[in-house]
PDB file of N, CA and C in Angstrom:
ATOM      1  N   UNK A   1      17.070  28.973 -11.927  1.00  0.00           N
ATOM      2  CA  UNK A   1      17.054  28.233 -10.673  1.00  0.00           C
ATOM      3  C   UNK A   1      15.813  28.677  -9.916  1.00  0.00           C
ATOM      4  N   UNK A   2      15.055  27.685  -9.422  1.00  0.00           N
ATOM      5  CA  UNK A   2      13.847  28.011  -8.674  1.00  0.00           C
ATOM      6  C   UNK A   2      13.636  26.994  -7.559  1.00  0.00           C
ATOM      7  N   UNK A   3      12.802  27.371  -6.615  1.00  0.00           N
ATOM      8  CA  UNK A   3      12.441  26.478  -5.519  1.00  0.00           C
ATOM      9  C   UNK A   3      11.152  25.763  -5.879  1.00  0.00           C
ATOM     10  N   UNK A   4      11.070  24.492  -5.492  1.00  0.00           N
ATOM     11  CA  UNK A   4       9.862  23.703  -5.693  1.00  0.00           C
ATOM     12  C   UNK A   4       9.680  22.842  -4.448  1.00  0.00           C
ATOM     13  N   UNK A   5       8.861  23.321  -3.514  1.00  0.00           N
ATOM     14  CA  UNK A   5       8.731  22.614  -2.242  1.00  0.00           C
ATOM     15  C   UNK A   5      10.052  22.613  -1.511  1.00  0.00           C
ATOM     16  N   UNK A   6      10.559  21.434  -1.203  1.00  0.00           N
ATOM     17  CA  UNK A   6      11.857  21.323  -0.520  1.00  0.00           C
ATOM     18  C   UNK A   6      12.994  21.032  -1.487  1.00  0.00           C
ATOM     19  N   UNK A   7      12.776  21.267  -2.775  1.00  0.00           N
ATOM     20  CA  UNK A   7      13.789  21.009  -3.801  1.00  0.00           C
ATOM     21  C   UNK A   7      14.221  22.286  -4.487  1.00  0.00           C
ATOM     22  N   UNK A   8      15.359  22.203  -5.149  1.00  0.00           N
ATOM     23  CA  UNK A   8      15.863  23.262  -6.012  1.00  0.00           C
ATOM     24  C   UNK A   8      15.810  22.718  -7.428  1.00  0.00           C
ATOM     25  N   UNK A   9      15.260  23.491  -8.359  1.00  0.00           N
ATOM     26  CA  UNK A   9      15.144  23.069  -9.753  1.00  0.00           C
ATOM     27  C   UNK A   9      16.028  23.982 -10.595  1.00  0.00           C
ATOM     28  N   UNK A  10      16.935  23.371 -11.347  1.00  0.00           N
ATOM     29  CA  UNK A  10      17.817  24.113 -12.250  1.00  0.00           C
ATOM     30  C   UNK A  10      17.402  23.748 -13.669  1.00  0.00           C
ATOM     31  N   UNK A  11      17.200  24.747 -14.506  1.00  0.00           N
ATOM     32  CA  UNK A  11      16.804  24.472 -15.890  1.00  0.00           C
ATOM     33  C   UNK A  11      17.614  25.333 -16.845  1.00  0.00           C
ATOM     34  N   UNK A  12      17.756  24.815 -18.087  1.00  0.00           N
ATOM     35  CA  UNK A  12      18.427  25.553 -19.145  1.00  0.00           C
ATOM     36  C   UNK A  12      17.920  25.025 -20.484  1.00  0.00           C
ATOM     37  N   UNK A  13      18.043  25.829 -21.553  1.00  0.00           N
ATOM     38  CA  UNK A  13      17.476  25.454 -22.847  1.00  0.00           C
ATOM     39  C   UNK A  13      18.120  24.203 -23.443  1.00  0.00           C
ATOM     40  N   UNK A  14      17.303  23.386 -24.100  1.00  0.00           N
ATOM     41  CA  UNK A  14      17.820  22.176 -24.740  1.00  0.00           C
ATOM     42  C   UNK A  14      18.707  22.488 -25.938  1.00  0.00           C
ATOM     43  N   UNK A  15      18.631  23.707 -26.471  1.00  0.00           N
ATOM     44  CA  UNK A  15      19.521  24.049 -27.588  1.00  0.00           C
ATOM     45  C   UNK A  15      20.936  24.379 -27.111  1.00  0.00           C
ATOM     46  N   UNK A  16      21.200  24.318 -25.814  1.00  0.00           N
ATOM     47  CA  UNK A  16      22.554  24.468 -25.262  1.00  0.00           C
ATOM     48  C   UNK A  16      23.199  23.081 -25.270  1.00  0.00           C
ATOM     49  N   UNK A  17      23.511  22.597 -26.470  1.00  0.00           N
ATOM     50  CA  UNK A  17      24.010  21.237 -26.669  1.00  0.00           C
ATOM     51  C   UNK A  17      25.432  21.098 -26.144  1.00  0.00           C
ATOM     52  N   UNK A  18      25.696  19.987 -25.470  1.00  0.00           N
ATOM     53  CA  UNK A  18      27.052  19.678 -25.020  1.00  0.00           C
ATOM     54  C   UNK A  18      27.431  20.263 -23.682  1.00  0.00           C
ATOM     55  N   UNK A  19      26.511  20.889 -22.976  1.00  0.00           N
ATOM     56  CA  UNK A  19      26.811  21.470 -21.676  1.00  0.00           C
ATOM     57  C   UNK A  19      26.438  20.506 -20.552  1.00  0.00           C
ATOM     58  N   UNK A  20      27.206  20.530 -19.484  1.00  0.00           N
ATOM     59  CA  UNK A  20      26.924  19.756 -18.278  1.00  0.00           C
ATOM     60  C   UNK A  20      26.709  20.712 -17.119  1.00  0.00           C
ATOM     61  N   UNK A  21      25.782  20.360 -16.242  1.00  0.00           N
ATOM     62  CA  UNK A  21      25.561  21.162 -15.040  1.00  0.00           C
ATOM     63  C   UNK A  21      26.612  20.781 -14.003  1.00  0.00           C
ATOM     64  N   UNK A  22      27.290  21.781 -13.466  1.00  0.00           N
ATOM     65  CA  UNK A  22      28.313  21.563 -12.453  1.00  0.00           C
ATOM     66  C   UNK A  22      27.985  22.375 -11.210  1.00  0.00           C
ATOM     67  N   UNK A  23      28.491  21.927 -10.071  1.00  0.00           N
ATOM     68  CA  UNK A  23      28.281  22.627  -8.815  1.00  0.00           C
ATOM     69  C   UNK A  23      29.569  22.758  -8.030  1.00  0.00           C
ATOM     70  N   UNK A  24      29.600  23.758  -7.146  1.00  0.00           N
ATOM     71  CA  UNK A  24      30.743  23.989  -6.265  1.00  0.00           C
ATOM     72  C   UNK A  24      30.265  24.735  -5.030  1.00  0.00           C
ATOM     73  N   UNK A  25      31.033  24.640  -3.957  1.00  0.00           N
ATOM     74  CA  UNK A  25      30.641  25.290  -2.703  1.00  0.00           C
ATOM     75  C   UNK A  25      31.084  26.746  -2.620  1.00  0.00           C
ATOM     76  N   UNK A  26      31.936  27.181  -3.560  1.00  0.00           N
ATOM     77  CA  UNK A  26      32.386  28.574  -3.579  1.00  0.00           C
ATOM     78  C   UNK A  26      32.771  28.938  -5.003  1.00  0.00           C
ATOM     79  N   UNK A  27      32.930  30.227  -5.249  1.00  0.00           N
ATOM     80  CA  UNK A  27      33.386  30.705  -6.548  1.00  0.00           C
ATOM     81  C   UNK A  27      34.674  31.478  -6.314  1.00  0.00           C
ATOM     82  N   UNK A  28      35.761  30.927  -6.798  1.00  0.00           N
ATOM     83  CA  UNK A  28      37.084  31.531  -6.640  1.00  0.00           C
ATOM     84  C   UNK A  28      37.989  30.956  -7.729  1.00  0.00           C
ATOM     85  N   UNK A  29      39.135  31.575  -7.978  1.00  0.00           N
ATOM     86  CA  UNK A  29      40.034  31.054  -9.017  1.00  0.00           C
ATOM     87  C   UNK A  29      40.446  29.593  -8.796  1.00  0.00           C
ATOM     88  N   UNK A  30      40.474  29.152  -7.554  1.00  0.00           N
ATOM     89  CA  UNK A  30      40.914  27.779  -7.252  1.00  0.00           C
ATOM     90  C   UNK A  30      39.755  26.802  -7.059  1.00  0.00           C
ATOM     91  N   UNK A  31      38.537  27.210  -7.398  1.00  0.00           N
ATOM     92  CA  UNK A  31      37.368  26.367  -7.190  1.00  0.00           C
ATOM     93  C   UNK A  31      37.433  25.112  -8.056  1.00  0.00           C
ATOM     94  N   UNK A  32      37.093  23.980  -7.449  1.00  0.00           N
ATOM     95  CA  UNK A  32      36.950  22.726  -8.180  1.00  0.00           C
ATOM     96  C   UNK A  32      35.474  22.485  -8.421  1.00  0.00           C
ATOM     97  N   UNK A  33      35.075  22.471  -9.680  1.00  0.00           N
ATOM     98  CA  UNK A  33      33.693  22.236 -10.067  1.00  0.00           C
ATOM     99  C   UNK A  33      33.515  20.750 -10.349  1.00  0.00           C
ATOM    100  N   UNK A  34      32.390  20.182  -9.927  1.00  0.00           N
ATOM    101  CA  UNK A  34      32.102  18.777 -10.193  1.00  0.00           C
ATOM    102  C   UNK A  34      30.753  18.659 -10.894  1.00  0.00           C
ATOM    103  N   UNK A  35      30.639  17.661 -11.759  1.00  0.00           N
ATOM    104  CA  UNK A  35      29.377  17.439 -12.456  1.00  0.00           C
ATOM    105  C   UNK A  35      28.302  17.031 -11.455  1.00  0.00           C
ATOM    106  N   UNK A  36      27.124  17.585 -11.609  1.00  0.00           N
ATOM    107  CA  UNK A  36      25.983  17.222 -10.767  1.00  0.00           C
ATOM    108  C   UNK A  36      25.546  15.827 -11.186  1.00  0.00           C
ATOM    109  N   UNK A  37      25.392  14.925 -10.222  1.00  0.00           N
ATOM    110  CA  UNK A  37      25.119  13.521 -10.540  1.00  0.00           C
ATOM    111  C   UNK A  37      23.638  13.225 -10.792  1.00  0.00           C
ATOM    112  N   UNK A  38      22.741  14.094 -10.364  1.00  0.00           N
ATOM    113  CA  UNK A  38      21.318  13.870 -10.591  1.00  0.00           C
ATOM    114  C   UNK A  38      21.020  13.919 -12.086  1.00  0.00           C
ATOM    115  N   UNK A  39      20.134  13.054 -12.566  1.00  0.00           N
ATOM    116  CA  UNK A  39      19.849  13.026 -14.009  1.00  0.00           C
ATOM    117  C   UNK A  39      19.053  14.246 -14.460  1.00  0.00           C
ATOM    118  N   UNK A  40      19.271  14.621 -15.706  1.00  0.00           N
ATOM    119  CA  UNK A  40      18.477  15.708 -16.286  1.00  0.00           C
ATOM    120  C   UNK A  40      17.332  15.094 -17.069  1.00  0.00           C
ATOM    121  N   UNK A  41      16.212  15.801 -17.081  1.00  0.00           N
ATOM    122  CA  UNK A  41      15.057  15.401 -17.868  1.00  0.00           C
ATOM    123  C   UNK A  41      14.734  16.540 -18.826  1.00  0.00           C
ATOM    124  N   UNK A  42      13.850  16.293 -19.768  1.00  0.00           N
ATOM    125  CA  UNK A  42      13.434  17.322 -20.706  1.00  0.00           C
ATOM    126  C   UNK A  42      11.978  17.667 -20.432  1.00  0.00           C
ATOM    127  N   UNK A  43      11.715  18.969 -20.328  1.00  0.00           N
ATOM    128  CA  UNK A  43      10.355  19.465 -20.152  1.00  0.00           C
ATOM    129  C   UNK A  43      10.162  20.573 -21.181  1.00  0.00           C
ATOM    130  N   UNK A  44       9.458  20.259 -22.255  1.00  0.00           N
ATOM    131  CA  UNK A  44       9.296  21.245 -23.327  1.00  0.00           C
ATOM    132  C   UNK A  44      10.613  21.502 -24.008  1.00  0.00           C
ATOM    133  N   UNK A  45      11.100  22.729 -23.937  1.00  0.00           N
ATOM    134  CA  UNK A  45      12.372  23.098 -24.565  1.00  0.00           C
ATOM    135  C   UNK A  45      13.478  23.309 -23.543  1.00  0.00           C
ATOM    136  N   UNK A  46      13.318  22.753 -22.345  1.00  0.00           N
ATOM    137  CA  UNK A  46      14.325  22.921 -21.284  1.00  0.00           C
ATOM    138  C   UNK A  46      14.775  21.596 -20.704  1.00  0.00           C
ATOM    139  N   UNK A  47      16.053  21.535 -20.358  1.00  0.00           N
ATOM    140  CA  UNK A  47      16.561  20.473 -19.495  1.00  0.00           C
ATOM    141  C   UNK A  47      16.212  20.872 -18.066  1.00  0.00           C
ATOM    142  N   UNK A  48      15.886  19.896 -17.231  1.00  0.00           N
ATOM    143  CA  UNK A  48      15.522  20.143 -15.836  1.00  0.00           C
ATOM    144  C   UNK A  48      16.319  19.192 -14.954  1.00  0.00           C
ATOM    145  N   UNK A  49      16.920  19.714 -13.896  1.00  0.00           N
ATOM    146  CA  UNK A  49      17.555  18.898 -12.861  1.00  0.00           C
ATOM    147  C   UNK A  49      16.951  19.317 -11.528  1.00  0.00           C
ATOM    148  N   UNK A  50      16.420  18.350 -10.796  1.00  0.00           N
ATOM    149  CA  UNK A  50      15.821  18.619  -9.485  1.00  0.00           C
ATOM    150  C   UNK A  50      16.747  18.089  -8.414  1.00  0.00           C
ATOM    151  N   UNK A  51      17.093  18.963  -7.472  1.00  0.00           N
ATOM    152  CA  UNK A  51      18.036  18.634  -6.403  1.00  0.00           C
ATOM    153  C   UNK A  51      17.375  18.820  -5.052  1.00  0.00           C
ATOM    154  N   UNK A  52      17.646  17.913  -4.130  1.00  0.00           N
ATOM    155  CA  UNK A  52      17.181  18.088  -2.762  1.00  0.00           C
ATOM    156  C   UNK A  52      17.953  19.210  -2.096  1.00  0.00           C
ATOM    157  N   UNK A  53      17.305  19.915  -1.200  1.00  0.00           N
ATOM    158  CA  UNK A  53      17.984  21.011  -0.515  1.00  0.00           C
ATOM    159  C   UNK A  53      18.799  20.479   0.648  1.00  0.00           C
ATOM    160  N   UNK A  54      19.879  21.174   0.934  1.00  0.00           N
ATOM    161  CA  UNK A  54      20.739  20.888   2.078  1.00  0.00           C
ATOM    162  C   UNK A  54      21.070  22.217   2.732  1.00  0.00           C
ATOM    163  N   UNK A  55      21.812  22.174   3.808  1.00  0.00           N
ATOM    164  CA  UNK A  55      22.254  23.406   4.463  1.00  0.00           C
ATOM    165  C   UNK A  55      23.585  23.883   3.901  1.00  0.00           C
ATOM    166  N   UNK A  56      23.982  23.339   2.754  1.00  0.00           N
ATOM    167  CA  UNK A  56      25.252  23.688   2.131  1.00  0.00           C
ATOM    168  C   UNK A  56      24.989  24.633   0.965  1.00  0.00           C
ATOM    169  N   UNK A  57      25.725  25.725   0.907  1.00  0.00           N
ATOM    170  CA  UNK A  57      25.613  26.652  -0.210  1.00  0.00           C
ATOM    171  C   UNK A  57      26.225  26.015  -1.443  1.00  0.00           C
ATOM    172  N   UNK A  58      25.501  26.042  -2.555  1.00  0.00           N
ATOM    173  CA  UNK A  58      26.012  25.490  -3.803  1.00  0.00           C
ATOM    174  C   UNK A  58      25.816  26.504  -4.916  1.00  0.00           C
ATOM    175  N   UNK A  59      26.869  26.709  -5.694  1.00  0.00           N
ATOM    176  CA  UNK A  59      26.835  27.544  -6.880  1.00  0.00           C
ATOM    177  C   UNK A  59      26.788  26.622  -8.079  1.00  0.00           C
ATOM    178  N   UNK A  60      26.105  27.019  -9.140  1.00  0.00           N
ATOM    179  CA  UNK A  60      25.981  26.188 -10.336  1.00  0.00           C
ATOM    180  C   UNK A  60      26.510  26.928 -11.553  1.00  0.00           C
ATOM    181  N   UNK A  61      26.972  26.122 -12.519  1.00  0.00           N
ATOM    182  CA  UNK A  61      27.369  26.657 -13.822  1.00  0.00           C
ATOM    183  C   UNK A  61      27.135  25.571 -14.867  1.00  0.00           C
ATOM    184  N   UNK A  62      27.068  26.005 -16.117  1.00  0.00           N
ATOM    185  CA  UNK A  62      27.047  25.084 -17.253  1.00  0.00           C
ATOM    186  C   UNK A  62      28.429  25.119 -17.887  1.00  0.00           C
ATOM    187  N   UNK A  63      28.989  23.945 -18.178  1.00  0.00           N
ATOM    188  CA  UNK A  63      30.338  23.880 -18.736  1.00  0.00           C
ATOM    189  C   UNK A  63      30.381  22.849 -19.855  1.00  0.00           C
ATOM    190  N   UNK A  64      31.247  23.092 -20.812  1.00  0.00           N
ATOM    191  CA  UNK A  64      31.481  22.129 -21.896  1.00  0.00           C
ATOM    192  C   UNK A  64      32.730  21.365 -21.627  1.00  0.00           C
TER     193      UNK A  64
END
């Protein structure tokens, strides 16, 4: 995860087949994770998702 101007960029290897990027506002046993709706692109050997920043804290995970 990195900053790019006013965006957040999340990347992971393309060999992580079958994973979806998910986000949530907290991490707890009762957390509901939702798939990130922004499209992923490929840059070299990585998937890239660029997200606009907000004032909301977001945690990310990869899930199958």
